[in-house]
Amino acid sequence: MDKAIWPARFYAPPHSPIDVPLQGRDLRPALTSCGLLGVLMVLSMATPLAAQERFLPAASAVVLPASVHAQGGRQSQLRALDQARKTQPQNLDAALAYGRAVFTLGLNEGDLRWYGSAKAALGPWWQATDLPADGFFLRGLVKQGFHDFQGGLADINRAIALEPRRAEFWSWRFALNLLQADMAMARQDTEEIARLFGAEESDVYRAILLYRTGQPLPAVQMLTRAIRSPQNQDASSQDWLSFHLGEAHRVGGQAAQAIAVWGERLKRNGQSHLLRLSLAELLNQQGRHAQAQAIAMNQADMASLTDALLMQALLASRGAKDGRETSLAQQMDARLRAQALRQESLIERPKLIYQIAYGKDIAAGLALSIDNWQLQKEPPDAVLFAQAALALGQAQAAAPVVAWAEKTRYTDPQLEPLIQQLKAHPSWKGGRS
């Protein structure tokens, strides 16, 4: 999932540094997220409700040229966990500890190799039907990380059946139902969260569901209350809620307010990849390319810039005509070629943006959009799908996007005019699901 919806507080924000110990934390989606911003809560699955994760979009995937175990200050922690599970290859607890740690890094850094490491750790139990709740949960997270959303949801449901009062399980279930546009099931999830964990917890999910179903302004009110709640003053919750408050503003046509919310929060946590990416994208959409460039290219080391931020820097450079476009395009092209050589088959959003919004290969982008839409139905993917169909004069190809928008009632300032253009196009013959 790229900038998709993930449950939050038990996972760190995408691309946040590991600044807390890996032990004694809870594993929750970072909606986000990707979903679910916050301090890295990885190993212990028994945190109290106030520390439970919620719903955040995850960052777009990026594969960096570093060794999977050569990650600065994290190296000793990961090596210790890795050594423990290798010493006891049939010890599920050791495998889960390592698997949770590396899966969280994959979520934070968008590096699919971490997901591969998590899957390898679970290898002896990949087909098991008698796992504990934590085992089903982590296996479900790894499956959805590789876009097996149905398999991931099935495992998370098994975890819930075993331990129904684990908030992080419900957070991820809500996220995956929303990702697949199953609004009825997502609504049921909010009701179960209210029953099990209280109205204040469920109101955040209800607000997310509101802005994803055409009601952003009530969502703004609910999220504003949540962000002021004494329960939500930890950095993790503030990051996560700030993302969703800004997103509700954006969806409601209040770009200036979204930029203010994200910009202010980014000043407090400059390491939040989710907030940085969201802000850079919106600034580009608003034509504020110089500012978008400054936000996206915040790292001196270009090799450590994620694919998602590199793509926004490239769009900003083209818009600002600052002379760096050719160099940035070459870097993006090199990364995609390297991914192709590794035979990575997942469709990640930076590639779609490069092909469609940047215009590298719109026909290929449309073909990928058609395939991607079968797996996940997210607003940014809908925009790219519609843009490609219109650019190629094949409006009918984007009929599934129109059907999704009408079914969910979702709209935003980018998508609404595209839907109208699709319906008015000479090639349009009517919607289909």
Protein backbone atom coordinates (compact mmCIF):
# COMPACT_ATOMS: atom_id res chain seq x y z
CA MET A 1 0.00 0.00 0.00
CA ASP A 2 1.28 3.38 -0.75
CA LYS A 3 -0.14 6.37 0.97
CA ALA A 4 -2.96 4.20 2.00
CA ILE A 5 -5.00 3.91 5.13
CA TRP A 6 -3.38 2.07 7.99
CA PRO A 7 -4.31 1.77 11.62
CA ALA A 8 -2.22 3.92 13.70
CA ARG A 9 -0.73 4.23 16.95
CA PHE A 10 1.19 1.15 17.23
CA TYR A 11 3.29 1.81 14.21
CA ALA A 12 5.69 4.58 13.63
CA PRO A 13 5.06 7.12 10.92
CA PRO A 14 6.48 6.19 7.56
CA HIS A 15 10.18 6.95 7.46
CA SER A 16 10.37 7.97 11.10
CA PRO A 17 13.59 7.09 12.87
CA ILE A 18 13.65 4.31 15.41
CA ASP A 19 14.06 6.47 18.47
CA VAL A 20 12.65 4.13 21.10
CA PRO A 21 13.70 0.63 22.11
CA LEU A 22 12.26 -2.21 20.09
CA GLN A 23 11.23 -4.02 23.26
CA GLY A 24 8.02 -3.29 25.13
CA ARG A 25 6.01 -1.72 22.31
CA ASP A 26 2.82 -2.55 20.50
CA LEU A 27 2.49 -3.29 16.77
CA ARG A 28 -0.18 -1.20 15.16
CA PRO A 29 -0.75 0.14 11.65
CA ALA A 30 0.35 3.66 10.97
CA LEU A 31 -2.71 5.06 9.26
CA THR A 32 -1.47 5.53 7.02
CA SER A 33 0.11 4.41 6.38
CA CYS A 34 -0.70 4.50 5.82
CA GLY A 35 -2.08 4.90 8.24
CA LEU A 36 -1.02 5.27 11.72
CA LEU A 37 1.65 7.56 12.80
CA GLY A 38 3.55 7.40 15.96
CA VAL A 39 6.46 6.23 17.97
CA LEU A 40 7.70 2.83 16.89
CA MET A 41 5.74 0.33 18.95
CA VAL A 42 6.93 -3.02 17.86
CA LEU A 43 7.49 -5.92 20.14
CA SER A 44 5.06 -6.11 23.01
CA MET A 45 1.45 -6.48 21.88
CA ALA A 46 -0.14 -5.44 25.13
CA THR A 47 -0.04 -1.66 25.36
CA PRO A 48 -2.92 0.16 27.05
CA LEU A 49 -5.58 1.79 24.90
CA ALA A 50 -4.11 5.28 25.16
CA ALA A 51 -1.04 4.02 23.32
CA GLN A 52 -2.84 1.99 20.72
CA GLU A 53 -2.36 2.78 17.10
CA ARG A 54 -4.90 4.20 14.80
CA PHE A 55 -5.34 4.83 11.20
CA LEU A 56 -2.62 6.33 8.96
CA PRO A 57 -1.47 6.04 5.38
CA ALA A 58 1.79 4.37 4.76
CA ALA A 59 4.54 5.90 2.71
CA SER A 60 5.11 5.03 -0.91
CA ALA A 61 7.51 2.17 -1.41
CA VAL A 62 11.18 2.77 -2.03
CA VAL A 63 14.06 0.38 -2.28
CA LEU A 64 17.28 1.94 -1.11
CA PRO A 65 20.73 0.65 -2.06
CA ALA A 66 21.73 -0.16 1.53
CA SER A 67 22.05 -3.59 3.08
CA VAL A 68 18.93 -4.56 4.94
CA HIS A 69 20.88 -4.85 8.18
CA ALA A 70 23.14 -1.82 7.78
CA GLN A 71 20.83 0.85 9.11
CA GLY A 72 22.85 3.09 11.37
CA GLY A 73 21.86 3.07 15.03
CA ARG A 74 19.35 0.30 14.46
CA GLN A 75 22.05 -2.16 13.48
CA SER A 76 22.82 -3.62 16.91
CA GLN A 77 19.15 -4.05 17.85
CA LEU A 78 18.32 -5.79 14.61
CA ARG A 79 21.39 -8.00 14.76
CA ALA A 80 20.48 -9.11 18.26
CA LEU A 81 16.94 -9.98 17.22
CA ASP A 82 18.17 -11.68 14.06
CA GLN A 83 20.74 -13.71 15.98
CA ALA A 84 18.12 -14.78 18.52
CA ARG A 85 15.77 -16.16 15.87
CA LYS A 86 18.63 -17.87 13.96
CA THR A 87 19.85 -19.51 17.17
CA GLN A 88 16.32 -20.83 17.77
CA PRO A 89 14.93 -21.41 14.27
CA GLN A 90 11.79 -23.18 15.55
CA ASN A 91 11.05 -20.61 18.26
CA LEU A 92 7.97 -18.67 17.16
CA ASP A 93 8.40 -15.92 19.75
CA ALA A 94 11.90 -15.15 18.50
CA ALA A 95 10.66 -15.14 14.89
CA LEU A 96 7.79 -12.80 15.77
CA ALA A 97 10.09 -10.39 17.61
CA TYR A 98 12.42 -10.10 14.62
CA GLY A 99 9.55 -10.15 12.12
CA ARG A 100 7.71 -7.32 13.86
CA ALA A 101 10.86 -5.23 13.98
CA VAL A 102 11.72 -5.58 10.31
CA PHE A 103 8.12 -5.30 9.13
CA THR A 104 7.87 -1.99 10.95
CA LEU A 105 11.04 -0.78 9.25
CA GLY A 106 9.54 -1.76 5.91
CA LEU A 107 6.43 0.21 6.75
CA ASN A 108 8.43 3.21 7.87
CA GLU A 109 10.96 3.16 5.05
CA GLY A 110 8.89 1.74 2.22
CA ASP A 111 11.63 -0.78 1.50
CA LEU A 112 10.04 -4.05 0.37
CA ARG A 113 13.14 -6.01 1.35
CA TRP A 114 12.19 -5.55 5.00
CA TYR A 115 8.86 -7.24 4.25
CA GLY A 116 10.83 -10.04 2.63
CA SER A 117 12.90 -10.39 5.80
CA ALA A 118 9.71 -10.57 7.87
CA LYS A 119 8.27 -13.22 5.57
CA ALA A 120 11.48 -15.24 5.77
CA ALA A 121 11.33 -15.14 9.56
CA LEU A 122 7.81 -16.57 9.42
CA GLY A 123 8.74 -19.17 6.79
CA PRO A 124 8.33 -22.25 9.03
CA TRP A 125 4.82 -21.04 9.97
CA TRP A 126 3.69 -19.56 6.63
CA GLN A 127 1.08 -22.29 6.06
CA ALA A 128 0.30 -22.95 9.72
CA THR A 129 -3.32 -23.00 10.84
CA ASP A 130 -2.72 -23.16 14.60
CA LEU A 131 -0.86 -19.91 15.30
CA PRO A 132 -1.46 -17.67 18.31
CA ALA A 133 -3.14 -14.33 17.68
CA ASP A 134 0.18 -12.48 17.35
CA GLY A 135 1.34 -14.98 14.73
CA PHE A 136 -1.79 -14.65 12.61
CA PHE A 137 -1.63 -10.87 12.98
CA LEU A 138 1.96 -10.47 11.86
CA ARG A 139 1.50 -12.93 9.00
CA GLY A 140 -1.54 -10.94 7.90
CA LEU A 141 0.45 -7.71 7.96
CA VAL A 142 3.22 -9.22 5.85
CA LYS A 143 0.69 -10.59 3.35
CA GLN A 144 -0.97 -7.21 2.89
CA GLY A 145 2.48 -5.64 2.61
CA PHE A 146 2.88 -7.74 -0.53
CA HIS A 147 -0.61 -6.70 -1.72
CA ASP A 148 -2.30 -9.98 -0.73
CA PHE A 149 -5.06 -8.00 0.91
CA GLN A 150 -7.59 -10.82 1.07
CA GLY A 151 -5.07 -13.19 2.63
CA GLY A 152 -3.94 -10.51 5.04
CA LEU A 153 -7.49 -9.71 6.08
CA ALA A 154 -8.25 -13.40 6.61
CA ASP A 155 -5.29 -13.76 8.99
CA ILE A 156 -6.21 -10.59 10.87
CA ASN A 157 -9.75 -11.93 11.26
CA ARG A 158 -8.26 -15.12 12.73
CA ALA A 159 -6.29 -13.01 15.20
CA ILE A 160 -9.45 -11.13 16.17
CA ALA A 161 -11.32 -14.39 16.71
CA LEU A 162 -8.64 -15.44 19.19
CA GLU A 163 -8.19 -12.08 20.94
CA PRO A 164 -11.06 -9.71 20.10
CA ARG A 165 -9.99 -7.00 22.54
CA ARG A 166 -6.79 -6.08 20.71
CA ALA A 167 -7.33 -2.60 19.30
CA GLU A 168 -4.49 -2.85 16.79
CA PHE A 169 -6.21 -5.83 15.14
CA TRP A 170 -9.38 -3.79 14.58
CA SER A 171 -7.36 -0.82 13.36
CA TRP A 172 -5.76 -2.85 10.60
CA ARG A 173 -9.02 -4.54 9.71
CA PHE A 174 -10.66 -1.14 9.32
CA ALA A 175 -7.75 0.02 7.17
CA LEU A 176 -7.91 -2.97 4.83
CA ASN A 177 -11.68 -2.77 4.46
CA LEU A 178 -11.37 0.90 3.58
CA LEU A 179 -8.55 0.17 1.15
CA GLN A 180 -10.83 -2.24 -0.71
CA ALA A 181 -13.74 0.23 -0.63
CA ASP A 182 -15.84 -2.04 1.58
CA MET A 183 -17.45 0.87 3.37
CA ALA A 184 -20.12 -1.27 5.01
CA MET A 185 -17.52 -3.45 6.71
CA ALA A 186 -15.42 -0.40 7.64
CA ARG A 187 -18.50 1.10 9.27
CA GLN A 188 -19.09 -2.12 11.20
CA ASP A 189 -15.48 -1.94 12.37
CA THR A 190 -16.06 1.54 13.81
CA GLU A 191 -19.08 0.19 15.69
CA GLU A 192 -17.07 -2.68 17.13
CA ILE A 193 -14.26 -0.30 18.11
CA ALA A 194 -16.84 1.85 19.94
CA ARG A 195 -18.27 -1.18 21.73
CA LEU A 196 -14.89 -2.57 22.76
CA PHE A 197 -12.78 0.55 23.31
CA GLY A 198 -15.14 3.47 23.72
CA ALA A 199 -16.63 6.32 21.72
CA GLU A 200 -13.58 8.57 21.83
CA GLU A 201 -11.44 5.93 20.16
CA SER A 202 -14.05 5.09 17.55
CA ASP A 203 -14.78 8.73 16.71
CA VAL A 204 -11.42 9.04 14.96
CA TYR A 205 -12.25 6.14 12.66
CA ARG A 206 -15.72 7.53 12.12
CA ALA A 207 -14.16 10.84 11.07
CA ILE A 208 -11.89 9.09 8.59
CA LEU A 209 -14.85 7.23 7.17
CA LEU A 210 -16.76 10.52 6.89
CA TYR A 211 -14.14 12.27 4.77
CA ARG A 212 -13.77 9.16 2.65
CA THR A 213 -17.52 9.16 1.94
CA GLY A 214 -18.10 12.78 0.94
CA GLN A 215 -18.46 14.43 4.36
CA PRO A 216 -15.14 16.15 5.06
CA LEU A 217 -16.33 19.14 7.09
CA PRO A 218 -17.96 17.12 9.90
CA ALA A 219 -14.74 15.08 9.89
CA VAL A 220 -12.73 18.27 10.41
CA GLN A 221 -14.78 19.07 13.50
CA MET A 222 -14.36 15.57 14.95
CA LEU A 223 -10.63 15.44 14.25
CA THR A 224 -10.12 18.90 15.73
CA ARG A 225 -11.72 17.69 18.96
CA ALA A 226 -9.59 14.55 18.90
CA ILE A 227 -6.34 16.41 18.40
CA ARG A 228 -7.14 18.56 21.46
CA SER A 229 -8.05 15.61 23.67
CA PRO A 230 -5.76 15.02 26.68
CA GLN A 231 -5.63 11.36 25.65
CA ASN A 232 -3.97 12.26 22.34
CA GLN A 233 -1.14 14.59 23.32
CA ASP A 234 1.70 12.12 22.73
CA ALA A 235 3.79 12.78 19.63
CA SER A 236 2.57 9.66 17.86
CA SER A 237 -1.09 10.57 18.14
CA GLN A 238 -0.45 14.19 17.23
CA ASP A 239 1.34 13.19 14.03
CA TRP A 240 -1.36 10.74 13.09
CA LEU A 241 -4.28 13.02 13.87
CA SER A 242 -2.58 15.98 12.17
CA PHE A 243 -2.30 13.96 8.99
CA HIS A 244 -6.00 13.12 9.00
CA LEU A 245 -7.08 16.61 9.99
CA GLY A 246 -5.06 18.03 7.11
CA GLU A 247 -6.43 15.42 4.75
CA ALA A 248 -10.02 16.21 5.77
CA HIS A 249 -9.29 19.90 5.07
CA ARG A 250 -7.79 19.02 1.68
CA VAL A 251 -10.70 16.80 0.68
CA GLY A 252 -13.08 19.58 1.72
CA GLY A 253 -11.38 22.11 -0.56
CA GLN A 254 -9.52 23.87 2.23
CA ALA A 255 -5.98 23.57 0.91
CA ALA A 256 -4.63 26.50 2.90
CA GLN A 257 -5.79 24.96 6.16
CA ALA A 258 -4.31 21.58 5.21
CA ILE A 259 -0.97 23.18 4.39
CA ALA A 260 -1.01 25.04 7.71
CA VAL A 261 -1.81 21.91 9.74
CA TRP A 262 0.84 19.78 8.06
CA GLY A 263 3.46 22.51 8.00
CA GLU A 264 3.04 23.30 11.68
CA ARG A 265 3.21 19.66 12.71
CA LEU A 266 6.25 19.05 10.48
CA LYS A 267 8.07 21.77 12.40
CA ARG A 268 7.59 19.67 15.52
CA ASN A 269 8.48 16.35 13.91
CA GLY A 270 10.66 16.84 10.87
CA GLN A 271 11.17 13.08 10.61
CA SER A 272 7.57 12.29 9.66
CA HIS A 273 7.74 11.05 6.08
CA LEU A 274 3.95 10.92 5.85
CA LEU A 275 3.50 14.59 6.71
CA ARG A 276 6.43 15.67 4.54
CA LEU A 277 5.14 13.74 1.54
CA SER A 278 1.56 14.94 2.00
CA LEU A 279 2.69 18.55 2.25
CA ALA A 280 4.99 18.33 -0.78
CA GLU A 281 2.22 16.76 -2.88
CA LEU A 282 -0.31 19.42 -1.97
CA LEU A 283 2.14 22.26 -2.55
CA ASN A 284 2.84 20.85 -6.02
CA GLN A 285 -0.88 20.60 -6.72
CA GLN A 286 -1.24 24.24 -5.68
CA GLY A 287 1.55 25.33 -8.04
CA ARG A 288 3.85 26.27 -5.17
CA HIS A 289 6.72 24.34 -6.66
CA ALA A 290 9.66 26.05 -4.96
CA GLN A 291 8.15 25.33 -1.56
CA ALA A 292 7.33 21.76 -2.56
CA GLN A 293 10.94 21.29 -3.66
CA ALA A 294 12.26 22.54 -0.32
CA ILE A 295 9.94 20.24 1.62
CA ALA A 296 10.65 17.17 -0.50
CA MET A 297 14.43 17.55 -0.73
CA ASN A 298 15.10 17.95 2.95
CA GLN A 299 17.97 15.46 3.04
CA ALA A 300 21.49 16.22 1.95
CA ASP A 301 22.01 12.61 0.92
CA MET A 302 19.94 12.09 -2.24
CA ALA A 303 20.45 8.32 -2.07
CA SER A 304 18.39 8.23 1.13
CA LEU A 305 15.50 10.20 -0.37
CA THR A 306 12.48 7.94 -0.80
CA ASP A 307 11.05 7.26 -4.23
CA ALA A 308 7.88 9.11 -3.22
CA LEU A 309 9.75 12.26 -2.17
CA LEU A 310 12.09 12.04 -5.15
CA MET A 311 9.05 11.97 -7.42
CA GLN A 312 7.59 15.08 -5.78
CA ALA A 313 10.97 16.81 -6.04
CA LEU A 314 11.02 15.97 -9.75
CA LEU A 315 7.53 17.39 -10.33
CA ALA A 316 8.48 20.49 -8.34
CA SER A 317 11.67 20.96 -10.31
CA ARG A 318 9.80 20.77 -13.60
CA GLY A 319 7.21 23.25 -12.34
CA ALA A 320 9.81 25.66 -10.97
CA LYS A 321 12.13 25.29 -13.99
CA ASP A 322 15.08 25.28 -11.62
CA GLY A 323 17.49 23.30 -13.79
CA ARG A 324 17.48 20.10 -11.73
CA GLU A 325 14.75 18.26 -13.61
CA THR A 326 17.04 16.22 -15.88
CA SER A 327 19.22 15.01 -13.03
CA LEU A 328 16.24 14.06 -10.85
CA ALA A 329 14.52 12.28 -13.75
CA GLN A 330 17.67 10.26 -14.37
CA GLN A 331 17.74 9.23 -10.72
CA MET A 332 14.10 8.17 -10.80
CA ASP A 333 14.63 6.25 -14.00
CA ALA A 334 17.65 4.47 -12.54
CA ARG A 335 15.69 3.40 -9.48
CA LEU A 336 12.86 1.98 -11.56
CA ARG A 337 15.32 0.11 -13.78
CA ALA A 338 16.97 -1.36 -10.69
CA GLN A 339 13.59 -2.49 -9.39
CA ALA A 340 12.83 -4.10 -12.75
CA LEU A 341 16.13 -5.98 -12.63
CA ARG A 342 15.18 -7.27 -9.19
CA GLN A 343 11.88 -8.37 -10.74
CA GLU A 344 9.82 -6.51 -8.19
CA SER A 345 6.24 -6.90 -9.37
CA LEU A 346 4.31 -4.73 -6.91
CA ILE A 347 2.73 -1.63 -8.39
CA GLU A 348 3.81 1.31 -6.26
CA ARG A 349 2.49 4.84 -6.60
CA PRO A 350 5.78 6.65 -7.39
CA LYS A 351 6.01 4.57 -10.56
CA LEU A 352 2.45 5.48 -11.53
CA ILE A 353 3.14 9.16 -10.89
CA TYR A 354 6.30 9.00 -12.99
CA GLN A 355 4.50 7.36 -15.88
CA ILE A 356 1.27 9.37 -15.75
CA ALA A 357 1.61 12.71 -13.95
CA TYR A 358 5.17 13.24 -15.13
CA GLY A 359 4.31 11.77 -18.54
CA LYS A 360 7.09 9.24 -18.97
CA ASP A 361 4.82 6.50 -20.42
CA ILE A 362 1.12 7.23 -20.01
CA ALA A 363 -0.01 4.13 -21.89
CA ALA A 364 2.01 1.90 -19.57
CA GLY A 365 0.69 3.90 -16.63
CA LEU A 366 -2.90 3.28 -17.69
CA ALA A 367 -2.27 -0.45 -17.99
CA LEU A 368 -0.74 -0.50 -14.52
CA SER A 369 -3.62 1.58 -13.15
CA ILE A 370 -6.12 -0.96 -14.45
CA ASP A 371 -4.24 -3.77 -12.70
CA ASN A 372 -3.65 -1.76 -9.52
CA TRP A 373 -7.33 -0.87 -9.20
CA GLN A 374 -8.16 -4.54 -8.85
CA LEU A 375 -6.12 -4.61 -5.65
CA GLN A 376 -6.59 -1.26 -3.95
CA LYS A 377 -8.96 1.64 -4.39
CA GLU A 378 -7.38 4.78 -3.00
CA PRO A 379 -8.13 8.41 -3.97
CA PRO A 380 -4.62 9.16 -5.33
CA ASP A 381 -4.82 6.04 -7.49
CA ALA A 382 -8.23 7.16 -8.76
CA VAL A 383 -6.79 10.53 -9.80
CA LEU A 384 -3.89 8.95 -11.68
CA PHE A 385 -6.18 6.39 -13.35
CA ALA A 386 -8.53 9.14 -14.56
CA GLN A 387 -5.66 11.36 -15.73
CA ALA A 388 -4.19 8.55 -17.82
CA ALA A 389 -7.54 7.60 -19.36
CA LEU A 390 -8.26 11.20 -20.34
CA ALA A 391 -4.76 11.83 -21.70
CA LEU A 392 -5.14 8.82 -24.00
CA GLY A 393 -8.73 9.57 -24.98
CA GLN A 394 -9.91 6.33 -23.37
CA ALA A 395 -12.39 7.64 -20.82
CA GLN A 396 -14.29 4.38 -20.72
CA ALA A 397 -11.22 2.63 -19.30
CA ALA A 398 -11.69 4.63 -16.09
CA ALA A 399 -15.33 3.63 -15.65
CA PRO A 400 -14.43 1.63 -12.50
CA VAL A 401 -13.16 4.86 -10.92
CA VAL A 402 -16.42 6.64 -11.68
CA ALA A 403 -18.40 3.71 -10.26
CA TRP A 404 -16.25 3.72 -7.10
CA ALA A 405 -16.69 7.48 -6.62
CA GLU A 406 -20.45 7.21 -7.02
CA LYS A 407 -20.67 4.21 -4.68
CA THR A 408 -18.56 5.72 -1.90
CA ARG A 409 -19.56 9.37 -2.57
CA TYR A 410 -15.91 10.28 -2.26
CA THR A 411 -14.73 13.42 -3.99
CA ASP A 412 -11.94 15.96 -3.64
CA PRO A 413 -10.79 19.05 -5.55
CA GLN A 414 -8.51 16.99 -7.79
CA LEU A 415 -10.86 14.13 -8.54
CA GLU A 416 -14.17 15.94 -9.04
CA PRO A 417 -13.28 17.75 -12.29
CA LEU A 418 -11.71 14.59 -13.65
CA ILE A 419 -14.92 12.63 -13.06
CA GLN A 420 -16.87 15.30 -14.90
CA GLN A 421 -14.41 15.24 -17.81
CA LEU A 422 -14.65 11.47 -18.04
CA LYS A 423 -18.43 11.57 -18.24
CA ALA A 424 -18.35 14.35 -20.85
CA HIS A 425 -15.73 12.66 -23.04
CA PRO A 426 -16.84 11.37 -26.47
CA SER A 427 -15.50 7.89 -25.62
CA TRP A 428 -17.64 7.62 -22.50
CA LYS A 429 -20.35 4.97 -22.71
CA GLY A 430 -21.44 4.76 -19.11
CA GLY A 431 -20.15 3.40 -15.84
CA ARG A 432 -19.29 -0.10 -14.79
CA SER A 433 -18.07 -1.48 -11.50
